[in-house]
């Protein structure tokens, strides 16, 4: 895919990659390699951190917890915080898109605030969002 400089990495693609998902793990790996090889920026949020770490904490899997932080550090992925302004923007998104979940709206608001060009997700519903190009792993065309 072309025409982007900064990608927001949603939680599900990250899970697909780190947990080697049978359907999307390799494709997500190839996408991330492509983004990094073209020296584009990848960001995510503390929400991704919170969502990903639930299962490792539940199963007391310190290795998975460590791998998450090693991965984000190695790739230079900033885990951006939620501010009051972002929370207000997320509320506006939910008002405009009533079918969006609160966490998705927060993720989109963070991506917009960070100046992302693309939101990489596996949630096809988010493709209807008009303020930012949302692309699923399946739709991403490797160059």
N, C-alpha and C. Protein backbone atom coordinates (compact mmCIF):
# COMPACT_ATOMS: atom_id res chain seq x y z
N UNK A 1 0.85 -1.18 0.00
CA UNK A 1 0.00 0.00 0.00
C UNK A 1 0.89 1.23 0.00
N UNK A 2 0.44 2.26 -0.65
CA UNK A 2 1.22 3.49 -0.73
C UNK A 2 0.39 4.67 -0.20
N UNK A 3 1.05 5.81 -0.09
CA UNK A 3 0.35 7.03 0.28
C UNK A 3 0.13 7.21 1.76
N UNK A 4 1.04 6.78 2.57
CA UNK A 4 0.90 6.94 4.02
C UNK A 4 2.27 7.19 4.64
N UNK A 5 2.28 7.82 5.81
CA UNK A 5 3.51 8.03 6.55
C UNK A 5 3.45 7.51 7.97
N UNK A 6 2.23 7.50 8.53
CA UNK A 6 2.08 7.08 9.93
C UNK A 6 0.87 6.17 10.04
N UNK A 7 1.10 4.99 10.63
CA UNK A 7 0.07 3.97 10.76
C UNK A 7 -0.28 3.76 12.23
N UNK A 8 -1.58 3.74 12.52
CA UNK A 8 -2.03 3.36 13.84
C UNK A 8 -2.30 1.87 13.82
N UNK A 9 -1.68 1.14 14.75
CA UNK A 9 -1.84 -0.31 14.85
C UNK A 9 -2.90 -0.62 15.91
N UNK A 10 -4.04 -1.12 15.45
CA UNK A 10 -5.14 -1.50 16.34
C UNK A 10 -4.76 -2.81 17.05
N UNK A 11 -5.52 -3.17 18.05
CA UNK A 11 -5.19 -4.30 18.89
C UNK A 11 -5.22 -5.64 18.16
N UNK A 12 -6.25 -5.90 17.39
CA UNK A 12 -6.39 -7.22 16.78
C UNK A 12 -5.24 -7.58 15.85
N UNK A 13 -4.80 -6.69 14.95
CA UNK A 13 -3.63 -7.06 14.14
C UNK A 13 -2.39 -7.36 14.99
N UNK A 14 -2.24 -6.63 16.08
CA UNK A 14 -1.11 -6.89 16.97
C UNK A 14 -1.22 -8.28 17.58
N UNK A 15 -2.41 -8.64 18.02
CA UNK A 15 -2.65 -9.99 18.56
C UNK A 15 -2.38 -11.03 17.48
N UNK A 16 -2.88 -10.77 16.27
CA UNK A 16 -2.66 -11.71 15.16
C UNK A 16 -1.18 -11.98 14.96
N UNK A 17 -0.38 -10.92 15.01
CA UNK A 17 1.05 -11.07 14.79
C UNK A 17 1.74 -11.75 15.97
N UNK A 18 1.55 -11.22 17.17
CA UNK A 18 2.27 -11.74 18.34
C UNK A 18 1.85 -13.17 18.69
N UNK A 19 0.61 -13.53 18.41
CA UNK A 19 0.13 -14.87 18.72
C UNK A 19 0.14 -15.80 17.51
N UNK A 20 0.77 -15.34 16.41
CA UNK A 20 0.90 -16.15 15.19
C UNK A 20 -0.43 -16.74 14.74
N UNK A 21 -1.43 -15.88 14.62
CA UNK A 21 -2.75 -16.30 14.16
C UNK A 21 -2.65 -17.02 12.83
N UNK A 22 -3.34 -18.12 12.74
CA UNK A 22 -3.30 -18.98 11.56
C UNK A 22 -3.80 -18.26 10.30
N UNK A 23 -4.76 -17.36 10.44
CA UNK A 23 -5.35 -16.69 9.28
C UNK A 23 -4.65 -15.38 8.94
N UNK A 24 -4.26 -14.61 9.94
CA UNK A 24 -3.74 -13.27 9.68
C UNK A 24 -2.34 -13.02 10.22
N UNK A 25 -1.73 -13.98 10.90
CA UNK A 25 -0.41 -13.77 11.49
C UNK A 25 0.66 -13.43 10.48
N UNK A 26 0.79 -14.24 9.43
CA UNK A 26 1.83 -13.99 8.43
C UNK A 26 1.58 -12.72 7.64
N UNK A 27 0.33 -12.48 7.29
CA UNK A 27 0.01 -11.26 6.53
C UNK A 27 0.34 -10.03 7.38
N UNK A 28 -0.01 -10.07 8.65
CA UNK A 28 0.29 -8.94 9.53
C UNK A 28 1.79 -8.76 9.65
N UNK A 29 2.53 -9.84 9.77
CA UNK A 29 3.99 -9.77 9.82
C UNK A 29 4.54 -9.09 8.58
N UNK A 30 4.04 -9.47 7.40
CA UNK A 30 4.49 -8.88 6.15
C UNK A 30 4.15 -7.39 6.07
N UNK A 31 2.99 -7.03 6.56
CA UNK A 31 2.59 -5.62 6.57
C UNK A 31 3.51 -4.82 7.46
N UNK A 32 3.75 -5.32 8.66
CA UNK A 32 4.63 -4.60 9.60
C UNK A 32 6.04 -4.48 9.04
N UNK A 33 6.54 -5.54 8.43
CA UNK A 33 7.87 -5.49 7.81
C UNK A 33 7.91 -4.45 6.70
N UNK A 34 6.86 -4.39 5.91
CA UNK A 34 6.80 -3.41 4.83
C UNK A 34 6.80 -1.98 5.38
N UNK A 35 5.96 -1.73 6.37
CA UNK A 35 5.88 -0.40 6.97
C UNK A 35 7.24 0.02 7.51
N UNK A 36 7.88 -0.87 8.25
CA UNK A 36 9.18 -0.55 8.84
C UNK A 36 10.28 -0.43 7.80
N UNK A 37 10.23 -1.25 6.74
CA UNK A 37 11.26 -1.18 5.70
C UNK A 37 11.20 0.14 4.94
N UNK A 38 10.02 0.72 4.84
CA UNK A 38 9.87 2.02 4.18
C UNK A 38 10.05 3.17 5.18
N UNK A 39 10.48 2.82 6.40
CA UNK A 39 10.76 3.79 7.46
C UNK A 39 9.55 4.68 7.78
N UNK A 40 8.39 4.05 7.77
CA UNK A 40 7.17 4.73 8.18
C UNK A 40 7.01 4.57 9.69
N UNK A 41 6.19 5.41 10.28
CA UNK A 41 5.98 5.39 11.72
C UNK A 41 4.77 4.54 12.07
N UNK A 42 4.91 3.76 13.14
CA UNK A 42 3.80 2.99 13.68
C UNK A 42 3.55 3.48 15.10
N UNK A 43 2.28 3.77 15.40
CA UNK A 43 1.90 4.12 16.76
C UNK A 43 0.71 3.27 17.17
N UNK A 44 0.49 3.21 18.46
CA UNK A 44 -0.70 2.56 18.99
C UNK A 44 -1.06 3.33 20.26
N UNK A 45 -1.82 2.71 21.14
CA UNK A 45 -2.22 3.44 22.34
C UNK A 45 -2.15 2.55 23.58
N UNK A 46 -2.33 3.17 24.71
CA UNK A 46 -2.38 2.42 25.96
C UNK A 46 -3.57 1.48 25.98
N UNK A 47 -4.58 1.76 25.17
CA UNK A 47 -5.72 0.85 25.07
C UNK A 47 -5.28 -0.48 24.46
N UNK A 48 -4.46 -0.43 23.43
CA UNK A 48 -3.92 -1.65 22.83
C UNK A 48 -3.14 -2.44 23.88
N UNK A 49 -2.34 -1.74 24.64
CA UNK A 49 -1.59 -2.37 25.72
C UNK A 49 -2.54 -3.06 26.69
N UNK A 50 -3.55 -2.36 27.12
CA UNK A 50 -4.52 -2.90 28.07
C UNK A 50 -5.27 -4.09 27.49
N UNK A 51 -5.70 -3.99 26.24
CA UNK A 51 -6.47 -5.08 25.63
C UNK A 51 -5.60 -6.31 25.41
N UNK A 52 -4.38 -6.11 24.93
CA UNK A 52 -3.51 -7.25 24.65
C UNK A 52 -3.12 -8.00 25.92
N UNK A 53 -2.83 -7.27 26.98
CA UNK A 53 -2.27 -7.89 28.18
C UNK A 53 -3.26 -8.65 29.05
N UNK A 54 -4.56 -8.55 28.76
CA UNK A 54 -5.55 -9.24 29.58
C UNK A 54 -5.26 -10.73 29.66
N UNK A 55 -5.14 -11.40 28.53
CA UNK A 55 -4.95 -12.85 28.54
C UNK A 55 -3.61 -13.25 29.18
N UNK A 56 -2.50 -12.60 28.84
CA UNK A 56 -1.24 -12.96 29.52
C UNK A 56 -1.32 -12.79 31.04
N UNK A 57 -1.99 -11.74 31.52
CA UNK A 57 -2.13 -11.59 32.96
C UNK A 57 -3.05 -12.67 33.55
N UNK A 58 -4.13 -12.95 32.83
CA UNK A 58 -5.07 -13.96 33.31
C UNK A 58 -4.41 -15.33 33.44
N UNK A 59 -3.51 -15.63 32.51
CA UNK A 59 -2.83 -16.93 32.51
C UNK A 59 -1.45 -16.89 33.15
N UNK A 60 -1.13 -15.74 33.73
CA UNK A 60 0.16 -15.54 34.40
C UNK A 60 1.32 -15.88 33.46
N UNK A 61 1.23 -15.37 32.22
CA UNK A 61 2.23 -15.65 31.21
C UNK A 61 3.17 -14.45 31.06
N UNK A 62 4.18 -14.39 31.89
CA UNK A 62 5.12 -13.28 31.90
C UNK A 62 5.87 -13.18 30.57
N UNK A 63 6.11 -14.32 29.93
CA UNK A 63 6.81 -14.31 28.64
C UNK A 63 6.03 -13.49 27.60
N UNK A 64 4.72 -13.69 27.52
CA UNK A 64 3.89 -12.93 26.57
C UNK A 64 3.88 -11.44 26.91
N UNK A 65 3.87 -11.13 28.18
CA UNK A 65 3.92 -9.73 28.61
C UNK A 65 5.23 -9.11 28.15
N UNK A 66 6.33 -9.81 28.39
CA UNK A 66 7.65 -9.31 27.98
C UNK A 66 7.74 -9.16 26.47
N UNK A 67 7.21 -10.14 25.72
CA UNK A 67 7.27 -10.10 24.26
C UNK A 67 6.53 -8.87 23.73
N UNK A 68 5.40 -8.55 24.32
CA UNK A 68 4.64 -7.36 23.89
C UNK A 68 5.52 -6.11 23.98
N UNK A 69 6.15 -5.90 25.12
CA UNK A 69 6.96 -4.70 25.31
C UNK A 69 8.26 -4.74 24.50
N UNK A 70 8.83 -5.91 24.34
CA UNK A 70 10.01 -6.04 23.49
C UNK A 70 9.67 -5.69 22.05
N UNK A 71 8.52 -6.16 21.58
CA UNK A 71 8.08 -5.87 20.22
C UNK A 71 7.86 -4.37 20.01
N UNK A 72 7.09 -3.75 20.90
CA UNK A 72 6.81 -2.32 20.72
C UNK A 72 8.09 -1.50 20.82
N UNK A 73 8.99 -1.89 21.71
CA UNK A 73 10.27 -1.17 21.82
C UNK A 73 11.12 -1.36 20.57
N UNK A 74 11.25 -2.60 20.12
CA UNK A 74 12.09 -2.90 18.95
C UNK A 74 11.60 -2.19 17.69
N UNK A 75 10.28 -2.04 17.57
CA UNK A 75 9.70 -1.40 16.37
C UNK A 75 9.52 0.11 16.56
N UNK A 76 9.87 0.62 17.72
CA UNK A 76 9.70 2.05 17.98
C UNK A 76 8.26 2.48 18.02
N UNK A 77 7.38 1.60 18.48
CA UNK A 77 5.95 1.91 18.53
C UNK A 77 5.63 2.64 19.82
N UNK A 78 5.23 3.89 19.69
CA UNK A 78 4.80 4.66 20.85
C UNK A 78 3.40 4.23 21.25
N UNK A 79 3.20 3.99 22.55
CA UNK A 79 1.88 3.68 23.09
C UNK A 79 1.32 4.97 23.68
N UNK A 80 0.49 5.63 22.89
CA UNK A 80 0.02 6.97 23.22
C UNK A 80 -1.07 6.95 24.29
N UNK A 81 -1.10 7.99 25.09
CA UNK A 81 -2.05 8.11 26.19
C UNK A 81 -3.37 8.73 25.75
N UNK A 82 -4.35 8.62 26.64
CA UNK A 82 -5.67 9.20 26.41
C UNK A 82 -5.77 10.48 27.24
N UNK A 83 -6.03 11.57 26.58
CA UNK A 83 -6.21 12.85 27.27
C UNK A 83 -7.70 13.20 27.29
N UNK A 84 -8.02 14.26 27.99
CA UNK A 84 -9.41 14.73 28.01
C UNK A 84 -9.85 15.12 26.60
N UNK A 85 -8.99 15.77 25.84
CA UNK A 85 -9.34 16.15 24.47
C UNK A 85 -9.61 14.93 23.60
N UNK A 86 -8.82 13.89 23.79
CA UNK A 86 -9.04 12.65 23.03
C UNK A 86 -10.35 12.00 23.46
N UNK A 87 -10.63 12.01 24.75
CA UNK A 87 -11.89 11.45 25.24
C UNK A 87 -13.08 12.21 24.65
N UNK A 88 -12.97 13.52 24.55
CA UNK A 88 -14.06 14.32 23.95
C UNK A 88 -14.20 14.00 22.46
N UNK A 89 -13.07 13.84 21.77
CA UNK A 89 -13.12 13.49 20.34
C UNK A 89 -13.74 12.11 20.16
N UNK A 90 -13.43 11.18 21.06
CA UNK A 90 -14.01 9.83 20.99
C UNK A 90 -15.52 9.89 21.21
N UNK A 91 -15.96 10.74 22.12
CA UNK A 91 -17.40 10.89 22.35
C UNK A 91 -18.08 11.42 21.10
N UNK A 92 -17.43 12.35 20.41
CA UNK A 92 -17.98 12.88 19.15
C UNK A 92 -18.06 11.77 18.10
N UNK A 93 -17.04 10.95 18.04
CA UNK A 93 -17.05 9.83 17.09
C UNK A 93 -18.21 8.89 17.39
N UNK A 94 -18.40 8.56 18.65
CA UNK A 94 -19.51 7.67 19.03
C UNK A 94 -20.85 8.31 18.74
N UNK A 95 -20.94 9.63 18.88
CA UNK A 95 -22.19 10.33 18.57
C UNK A 95 -22.48 10.25 17.07
N UNK A 96 -21.42 10.36 16.26
CA UNK A 96 -21.58 10.32 14.80
C UNK A 96 -21.71 8.90 14.26
N UNK A 97 -21.15 7.93 14.97
CA UNK A 97 -21.17 6.53 14.55
C UNK A 97 -21.66 5.68 15.74
N UNK A 98 -22.96 5.66 15.97
CA UNK A 98 -23.51 4.99 17.15
C UNK A 98 -23.17 3.50 17.27
N UNK A 99 -22.82 2.87 16.16
CA UNK A 99 -22.50 1.44 16.21
C UNK A 99 -21.06 1.17 16.65
N UNK A 100 -20.23 2.22 16.75
CA UNK A 100 -18.86 2.03 17.18
C UNK A 100 -18.80 1.83 18.69
N UNK A 101 -17.94 0.95 19.12
CA UNK A 101 -17.72 0.70 20.54
C UNK A 101 -16.84 1.82 21.12
N UNK A 102 -16.93 1.98 22.44
CA UNK A 102 -16.16 3.03 23.11
C UNK A 102 -14.66 2.89 22.87
N UNK A 103 -14.13 1.69 23.01
CA UNK A 103 -12.68 1.49 22.82
C UNK A 103 -12.25 1.79 21.39
N UNK A 104 -13.06 1.39 20.42
CA UNK A 104 -12.74 1.69 19.02
C UNK A 104 -12.74 3.20 18.79
N UNK A 105 -13.70 3.88 19.35
CA UNK A 105 -13.77 5.34 19.20
C UNK A 105 -12.57 6.01 19.83
N UNK A 106 -12.15 5.53 20.98
CA UNK A 106 -10.94 6.07 21.61
C UNK A 106 -9.71 5.81 20.75
N UNK A 107 -9.60 4.60 20.21
CA UNK A 107 -8.46 4.29 19.34
C UNK A 107 -8.44 5.21 18.11
N UNK A 108 -9.59 5.41 17.49
CA UNK A 108 -9.66 6.30 16.33
C UNK A 108 -9.30 7.73 16.71
N UNK A 109 -9.77 8.19 17.85
CA UNK A 109 -9.45 9.55 18.31
C UNK A 109 -7.96 9.71 18.56
N UNK A 110 -7.33 8.71 19.13
CA UNK A 110 -5.87 8.75 19.34
C UNK A 110 -5.16 8.82 18.00
N UNK A 111 -5.60 8.00 17.05
CA UNK A 111 -4.97 7.97 15.73
C UNK A 111 -5.07 9.33 15.03
N UNK A 112 -6.23 9.95 15.11
CA UNK A 112 -6.41 11.26 14.50
C UNK A 112 -5.53 12.30 15.19
N UNK A 113 -5.54 12.28 16.52
CA UNK A 113 -4.73 13.22 17.29
C UNK A 113 -3.24 13.07 16.98
N UNK A 114 -2.80 11.85 16.71
CA UNK A 114 -1.39 11.58 16.41
C UNK A 114 -1.02 11.89 14.96
N UNK A 115 -2.01 12.22 14.14
CA UNK A 115 -1.74 12.55 12.74
C UNK A 115 -1.51 11.34 11.86
N UNK A 116 -2.15 10.23 12.19
CA UNK A 116 -2.00 9.01 11.39
C UNK A 116 -2.73 9.15 10.06
N UNK A 117 -2.17 8.50 9.05
CA UNK A 117 -2.78 8.45 7.71
C UNK A 117 -3.64 7.21 7.55
N UNK A 118 -3.29 6.15 8.28
CA UNK A 118 -3.95 4.85 8.13
C UNK A 118 -4.18 4.26 9.50
N UNK A 119 -5.31 3.59 9.64
CA UNK A 119 -5.68 2.85 10.84
C UNK A 119 -5.75 1.39 10.45
N UNK A 120 -4.77 0.59 10.88
CA UNK A 120 -4.73 -0.83 10.53
C UNK A 120 -5.51 -1.63 11.57
N UNK A 121 -6.53 -2.31 11.12
CA UNK A 121 -7.46 -3.00 12.01
C UNK A 121 -7.88 -4.32 11.38
N UNK A 122 -8.70 -5.05 12.09
CA UNK A 122 -9.39 -6.20 11.50
C UNK A 122 -10.90 -6.04 11.64
N UNK A 123 -11.31 -4.86 12.05
CA UNK A 123 -12.73 -4.57 12.26
C UNK A 123 -13.29 -3.90 11.00
N UNK A 124 -13.98 -4.67 10.18
CA UNK A 124 -14.52 -4.16 8.92
C UNK A 124 -15.51 -3.02 9.12
N UNK A 125 -16.16 -3.00 10.25
CA UNK A 125 -17.14 -1.95 10.55
C UNK A 125 -16.48 -0.57 10.57
N UNK A 126 -15.23 -0.50 10.97
CA UNK A 126 -14.54 0.78 11.08
C UNK A 126 -14.22 1.40 9.72
N UNK A 127 -14.33 0.63 8.65
CA UNK A 127 -14.06 1.17 7.31
C UNK A 127 -15.03 2.29 6.94
N UNK A 128 -16.18 2.37 7.61
CA UNK A 128 -17.15 3.43 7.30
C UNK A 128 -16.73 4.78 7.88
N UNK A 129 -15.72 4.80 8.74
CA UNK A 129 -15.24 6.04 9.35
C UNK A 129 -14.65 6.93 8.25
N UNK A 130 -15.12 8.16 8.15
CA UNK A 130 -14.72 9.05 7.06
C UNK A 130 -13.50 9.91 7.34
N UNK A 131 -13.14 10.09 8.60
CA UNK A 131 -12.08 11.02 8.94
C UNK A 131 -10.67 10.43 8.84
N UNK A 132 -10.58 9.13 8.63
CA UNK A 132 -9.28 8.45 8.59
C UNK A 132 -9.45 7.17 7.78
N UNK A 133 -8.46 6.87 6.96
CA UNK A 133 -8.52 5.65 6.15
C UNK A 133 -8.29 4.44 7.06
N UNK A 134 -9.32 3.61 7.20
CA UNK A 134 -9.26 2.39 8.00
C UNK A 134 -9.15 1.21 7.04
N UNK A 135 -8.11 0.40 7.24
CA UNK A 135 -7.83 -0.71 6.35
C UNK A 135 -7.68 -1.98 7.18
N UNK A 136 -8.32 -3.04 6.74
CA UNK A 136 -8.15 -4.31 7.43
C UNK A 136 -6.88 -5.00 6.93
N UNK A 137 -6.38 -5.91 7.74
CA UNK A 137 -5.20 -6.69 7.35
C UNK A 137 -5.46 -7.38 6.02
N UNK A 138 -6.64 -7.94 5.88
CA UNK A 138 -7.02 -8.65 4.65
C UNK A 138 -6.97 -7.74 3.43
N UNK A 139 -7.34 -6.47 3.58
CA UNK A 139 -7.40 -5.53 2.45
C UNK A 139 -6.07 -4.90 2.10
N UNK A 140 -5.14 -4.89 3.04
CA UNK A 140 -3.86 -4.22 2.82
C UNK A 140 -3.15 -4.89 1.64
N UNK A 141 -2.79 -4.09 0.64
CA UNK A 141 -2.09 -4.61 -0.52
C UNK A 141 -0.61 -4.36 -0.36
N UNK A 142 0.15 -5.43 -0.26
CA UNK A 142 1.59 -5.32 -0.11
C UNK A 142 2.21 -4.83 -1.41
N UNK A 143 3.24 -3.99 -1.28
CA UNK A 143 3.90 -3.48 -2.49
C UNK A 143 5.12 -4.31 -2.83
